[in-house]
């Protein structure tokens, strides 16, 4: 990380610390109701107790399993369907209207339906995450292939390149940038699917804990769980960004930098 980036994160940290200090003071002196808006120290105490008492680990396992399984399967399904629709016109006629319909509606409303179909166990959460991620990746792949310059495709064909050559040398490099650019959003969608599914009906998971905290009007636990989910998503977001920077080094290289 360069000096400018470090200074930016330092300023953000100071701003968050100042905001937390103001919040703490307002709650301690009764300006805001500490029951409904607990101070940061109380939220931190709740988060620490979840880990020290070991209550959180089974819920983390459930949510991470559903989110990561949904992410991986959703990316794989989205890539396969996107390639099929972009390269086979008949498949596009069938898939494109379905995907546009799924993209037009809030897909989280399908959570109760998946619970009815698949039960309250892991399968319904994974299914919702898959749908959220697969639609996003489908359009990334589909748009990436359609965005390829037709002159480049014609030139490869003129030089004797077949379908496999086009796939390997033209389409996959073009699609990679689109998919990696969407991967960070897909991480958030995968966790959204897992947590919403657990919120609707589950016996464990961070979404289940959120539903319990809401039903008991436990504001400290609710805010603490939201912060935990945000932290985990940001960590995975950073991992996805690192993968993108690694695989697309040419995009982030300075104009005067020579390739290694």
Protein backbone atom coordinates (compact mmCIF):
# COMPACT_ATOMS: atom_id res chain seq x y z
CA UNK A 1 0.00 0.00 0.00
CA UNK A 2 1.42 3.40 -0.98
CA UNK A 3 1.65 6.45 1.30
CA UNK A 4 -1.47 8.08 -0.18
CA UNK A 5 -3.50 4.92 0.45
CA UNK A 6 -2.19 4.61 4.01
CA UNK A 7 -3.07 8.24 4.74
CA UNK A 8 -6.56 7.70 3.38
CA UNK A 9 -7.16 4.69 5.63
CA UNK A 10 -5.70 6.59 8.59
CA UNK A 11 -8.12 9.47 8.05
CA UNK A 12 -11.02 7.05 7.73
CA UNK A 13 -9.98 5.35 10.96
CA UNK A 14 -9.79 8.66 12.81
CA UNK A 15 -13.23 9.65 11.47
CA UNK A 16 -14.78 6.36 12.63
CA UNK A 17 -13.13 6.70 16.03
CA UNK A 18 -14.46 10.24 16.41
CA UNK A 19 -17.97 9.12 15.39
CA UNK A 20 -17.85 6.23 17.89
CA UNK A 21 -16.68 8.60 20.66
CA UNK A 22 -19.56 11.01 19.99
CA UNK A 23 -22.02 8.10 19.96
CA UNK A 24 -20.58 6.79 23.25
CA UNK A 25 -20.86 10.20 24.93
CA UNK A 26 -24.44 10.77 23.75
CA UNK A 27 -25.52 7.36 25.08
CA UNK A 28 -23.66 7.71 28.39
CA UNK A 29 -25.14 11.13 29.15
CA UNK A 30 -28.68 10.14 28.20
CA UNK A 31 -29.01 12.29 25.09
CA UNK A 32 -30.01 9.16 23.16
CA UNK A 33 -31.72 6.11 24.65
CA UNK A 34 -29.00 3.51 25.42
CA UNK A 35 -31.58 0.70 25.22
CA UNK A 36 -32.41 1.35 21.57
CA UNK A 37 -29.03 2.90 20.62
CA UNK A 38 -26.47 1.14 22.84
CA UNK A 39 -23.01 2.74 23.04
CA UNK A 40 -20.10 1.21 21.08
CA UNK A 41 -18.52 -0.22 24.26
CA UNK A 42 -21.71 -2.22 24.97
CA UNK A 43 -21.82 -3.49 21.38
CA UNK A 44 -18.14 -4.49 21.62
CA UNK A 45 -18.83 -6.31 24.89
CA UNK A 46 -21.64 -8.30 23.25
CA UNK A 47 -19.44 -9.22 20.27
CA UNK A 48 -16.57 -10.33 22.51
CA UNK A 49 -18.94 -12.41 24.67
CA UNK A 50 -20.24 -14.23 21.58
CA UNK A 51 -16.71 -15.41 20.83
CA UNK A 52 -15.48 -16.03 24.39
CA UNK A 53 -18.57 -18.06 25.27
CA UNK A 54 -18.33 -19.98 21.98
CA UNK A 55 -21.92 -19.23 20.97
CA UNK A 56 -21.08 -17.76 17.59
CA UNK A 57 -18.99 -20.49 15.98
CA UNK A 58 -21.76 -22.88 14.95
CA UNK A 59 -23.66 -19.94 13.45
CA UNK A 60 -20.57 -18.71 11.59
CA UNK A 61 -20.02 -22.19 10.19
CA UNK A 62 -23.60 -22.37 8.89
CA UNK A 63 -23.55 -18.92 7.27
CA UNK A 64 -20.08 -19.26 5.75
CA UNK A 65 -20.87 -22.73 4.38
CA UNK A 66 -24.07 -21.51 2.72
CA UNK A 67 -22.52 -18.27 1.41
CA UNK A 68 -19.31 -19.81 0.03
CA UNK A 69 -21.14 -22.80 -1.49
CA UNK A 70 -23.65 -20.44 -3.09
CA UNK A 71 -20.85 -18.18 -4.34
CA UNK A 72 -18.83 -20.98 -5.96
CA UNK A 73 -21.82 -22.76 -7.48
CA UNK A 74 -23.41 -19.48 -8.55
CA UNK A 75 -20.24 -18.36 -10.33
CA UNK A 76 -19.90 -21.74 -12.07
CA UNK A 77 -23.54 -21.83 -13.16
CA UNK A 78 -23.49 -18.18 -14.24
CA UNK A 79 -20.35 -18.69 -16.33
CA UNK A 80 -21.70 -21.82 -18.05
CA UNK A 81 -25.09 -20.29 -18.81
CA UNK A 82 -23.53 -17.01 -19.91
CA UNK A 83 -21.22 -18.75 -22.40
CA UNK A 84 -24.04 -20.95 -23.67
CA UNK A 85 -26.40 -18.01 -24.20
CA UNK A 86 -23.75 -15.85 -25.86
CA UNK A 87 -22.51 -18.52 -28.26
CA UNK A 88 -25.72 -20.46 -29.02
CA UNK A 89 -28.61 -18.26 -30.25
CA UNK A 90 -31.28 -20.86 -29.41
CA UNK A 91 -30.11 -21.01 -25.79
CA UNK A 92 -30.12 -17.20 -25.64
CA UNK A 93 -33.76 -17.08 -26.77
CA UNK A 94 -34.71 -19.33 -23.86
CA UNK A 95 -32.38 -18.05 -21.12
CA UNK A 96 -32.29 -14.29 -21.68
CA UNK A 97 -35.98 -13.62 -20.87
CA UNK A 98 -35.76 -15.81 -17.75
CA UNK A 99 -32.62 -14.07 -16.52
CA UNK A 100 -34.06 -10.63 -17.26
CA UNK A 101 -37.16 -11.54 -15.26
CA UNK A 102 -35.07 -12.78 -12.33
CA UNK A 103 -32.93 -9.65 -12.53
CA UNK A 104 -36.00 -7.38 -12.56
CA UNK A 105 -37.50 -8.69 -9.31
CA UNK A 106 -35.95 -8.57 -5.82
CA UNK A 107 -34.62 -12.13 -5.76
CA UNK A 108 -34.58 -12.28 -1.96
CA UNK A 109 -38.39 -12.59 -2.04
CA UNK A 110 -37.81 -16.14 -3.26
CA UNK A 111 -36.44 -17.12 0.17
CA UNK A 112 -39.79 -18.34 1.57
CA UNK A 113 -40.36 -20.39 -1.59
CA UNK A 114 -36.97 -22.10 -1.28
CA UNK A 115 -37.75 -22.86 2.37
CA UNK A 116 -41.03 -24.51 1.30
CA UNK A 117 -39.29 -26.50 -1.43
CA UNK A 118 -36.02 -27.42 0.30
CA UNK A 119 -36.74 -27.10 4.02
CA UNK A 120 -35.10 -24.96 6.69
CA UNK A 121 -31.71 -26.64 6.46
CA UNK A 122 -28.65 -25.58 4.48
CA UNK A 123 -30.03 -26.36 1.00
CA UNK A 124 -32.54 -23.49 0.90
CA UNK A 125 -29.86 -20.93 1.89
CA UNK A 126 -27.42 -22.23 -0.71
CA UNK A 127 -30.15 -22.15 -3.37
CA UNK A 128 -30.98 -18.51 -2.67
CA UNK A 129 -27.30 -17.54 -2.76
CA UNK A 130 -26.87 -19.41 -6.05
CA UNK A 131 -29.75 -17.55 -7.69
CA UNK A 132 -28.48 -14.16 -6.49
CA UNK A 133 -24.92 -14.83 -7.72
CA UNK A 134 -25.71 -16.77 -10.90
CA UNK A 135 -27.88 -14.02 -12.41
CA UNK A 136 -25.17 -11.41 -11.76
CA UNK A 137 -22.40 -13.57 -13.25
CA UNK A 138 -24.58 -14.62 -16.20
CA UNK A 139 -24.97 -11.01 -17.34
CA UNK A 140 -21.27 -10.33 -16.73
CA UNK A 141 -20.27 -13.23 -19.00
CA UNK A 142 -23.00 -12.59 -21.55
CA UNK A 143 -22.10 -8.89 -21.79
CA UNK A 144 -18.38 -9.67 -21.85
CA UNK A 145 -18.71 -11.92 -24.88
CA UNK A 146 -21.10 -9.58 -26.68
CA UNK A 147 -18.65 -6.74 -26.04
CA UNK A 148 -15.86 -8.48 -27.97
CA UNK A 149 -14.89 -6.58 -31.10
CA UNK A 150 -16.35 -8.44 -34.08
CA UNK A 151 -13.37 -7.40 -36.21
CA UNK A 152 -11.10 -9.35 -33.85
CA UNK A 153 -13.35 -12.41 -34.13
CA UNK A 154 -13.37 -12.17 -37.94
CA UNK A 155 -9.57 -11.83 -38.04
CA UNK A 156 -9.07 -14.94 -35.92
CA UNK A 157 -11.41 -16.88 -38.18
CA UNK A 158 -9.62 -15.57 -41.26
CA UNK A 159 -6.32 -16.88 -39.87
CA UNK A 160 -7.84 -20.34 -39.45
CA UNK A 161 -8.91 -20.19 -35.84
CA UNK A 162 -11.88 -22.35 -34.94
CA UNK A 163 -14.42 -22.16 -32.11
CA UNK A 164 -11.96 -23.46 -29.52
CA UNK A 165 -9.33 -20.92 -30.56
CA UNK A 166 -11.86 -18.11 -30.27
CA UNK A 167 -12.93 -19.41 -26.88
CA UNK A 168 -9.38 -19.71 -25.54
CA UNK A 169 -7.76 -16.65 -27.08
CA UNK A 170 -10.61 -14.14 -27.38
CA UNK A 171 -13.70 -14.87 -25.32
CA UNK A 172 -12.19 -16.17 -22.07
CA UNK A 173 -9.69 -13.25 -21.68
CA UNK A 174 -12.52 -10.78 -22.34
CA UNK A 175 -14.92 -12.47 -19.95
CA UNK A 176 -12.32 -12.81 -17.18
CA UNK A 177 -12.21 -9.04 -16.64
CA UNK A 178 -16.00 -8.83 -16.51
CA UNK A 179 -16.37 -11.75 -14.08
CA UNK A 180 -13.61 -10.56 -11.75
CA UNK A 181 -15.13 -7.08 -11.78
CA UNK A 182 -18.45 -8.59 -10.66
CA UNK A 183 -16.91 -10.98 -8.12
CA UNK A 184 -16.78 -8.38 -5.35
CA UNK A 185 -20.50 -7.70 -5.76
CA UNK A 186 -21.16 -11.46 -5.91
CA UNK A 187 -19.54 -11.93 -2.49
CA UNK A 188 -22.05 -9.53 -0.96
CA UNK A 189 -24.92 -11.22 -2.82
CA UNK A 190 -23.85 -14.65 -1.54
CA UNK A 191 -23.89 -13.46 2.08
CA UNK A 192 -27.20 -11.69 1.47
CA UNK A 193 -28.74 -14.93 0.25
CA UNK A 194 -27.40 -16.93 3.19
CA UNK A 195 -28.44 -14.40 5.85
CA UNK A 196 -31.88 -13.68 4.38
CA UNK A 197 -32.58 -17.40 4.09
CA UNK A 198 -31.56 -17.89 7.73
CA UNK A 199 -33.65 -14.88 8.77
CA UNK A 200 -36.75 -16.38 7.15
CA UNK A 201 -36.39 -19.89 8.65
CA UNK A 202 -33.40 -21.63 10.19
CA UNK A 203 -32.08 -23.24 13.34
CA UNK A 204 -28.63 -21.67 13.17
CA UNK A 205 -26.66 -19.02 11.32
CA UNK A 206 -26.01 -15.29 11.60
CA UNK A 207 -29.39 -14.55 10.01
CA UNK A 208 -31.06 -16.76 12.61
CA UNK A 209 -29.26 -14.85 15.37
CA UNK A 210 -30.39 -11.56 13.82
CA UNK A 211 -33.99 -12.76 13.80
CA UNK A 212 -33.65 -13.77 17.46
CA UNK A 213 -32.12 -10.39 18.38
CA UNK A 214 -34.92 -8.55 16.60
CA UNK A 215 -37.66 -10.62 18.27
CA UNK A 216 -36.17 -9.88 21.72
CA UNK A 217 -35.54 -6.18 20.93
CA UNK A 218 -31.83 -6.67 21.67
CA UNK A 219 -30.36 -3.65 19.89
CA UNK A 220 -26.76 -4.32 21.03
CA UNK A 221 -26.81 -7.87 19.65
CA UNK A 222 -28.49 -6.71 16.44
CA UNK A 223 -25.92 -3.99 15.74
CA UNK A 224 -23.07 -6.30 16.76
CA UNK A 225 -24.19 -9.00 14.32
CA UNK A 226 -24.60 -6.45 11.53
CA UNK A 227 -21.06 -5.22 12.16
CA UNK A 228 -19.75 -8.79 12.16
CA UNK A 229 -21.41 -9.56 8.83
CA UNK A 230 -20.06 -6.31 7.37
CA UNK A 231 -16.56 -7.19 8.59
CA UNK A 232 -16.63 -10.68 7.07
CA UNK A 233 -17.99 -9.39 3.76
CA UNK A 234 -15.32 -6.67 3.62
CA UNK A 235 -12.60 -9.27 4.27
CA UNK A 236 -13.89 -11.45 1.43
CA UNK A 237 -14.28 -8.31 -0.68
CA UNK A 238 -10.58 -7.56 -0.09
CA UNK A 239 -9.67 -11.14 -1.07
CA UNK A 240 -11.69 -10.83 -4.29
CA UNK A 241 -10.01 -7.51 -5.07
CA UNK A 242 -6.57 -9.06 -4.47
CA UNK A 243 -7.43 -11.89 -6.89
CA UNK A 244 -8.63 -9.35 -9.45
CA UNK A 245 -5.45 -7.30 -9.14
CA UNK A 246 -3.34 -10.45 -9.44
CA UNK A 247 -5.06 -11.80 -12.54
CA UNK A 248 -5.52 -8.39 -14.18
CA UNK A 249 -2.11 -6.91 -13.40
CA UNK A 250 -2.03 -5.18 -16.80
CA UNK A 251 -5.08 -3.09 -15.86
CA UNK A 252 -3.55 -1.72 -12.63
CA UNK A 253 0.01 -1.27 -13.92
CA UNK A 254 1.20 2.31 -14.19
CA UNK A 255 1.72 3.54 -17.77
CA UNK A 256 5.49 3.77 -17.34
CA UNK A 257 5.89 0.41 -15.58
CA UNK A 258 7.49 -2.39 -17.57
CA UNK A 259 6.22 -5.93 -17.29
CA UNK A 260 8.34 -8.24 -15.15
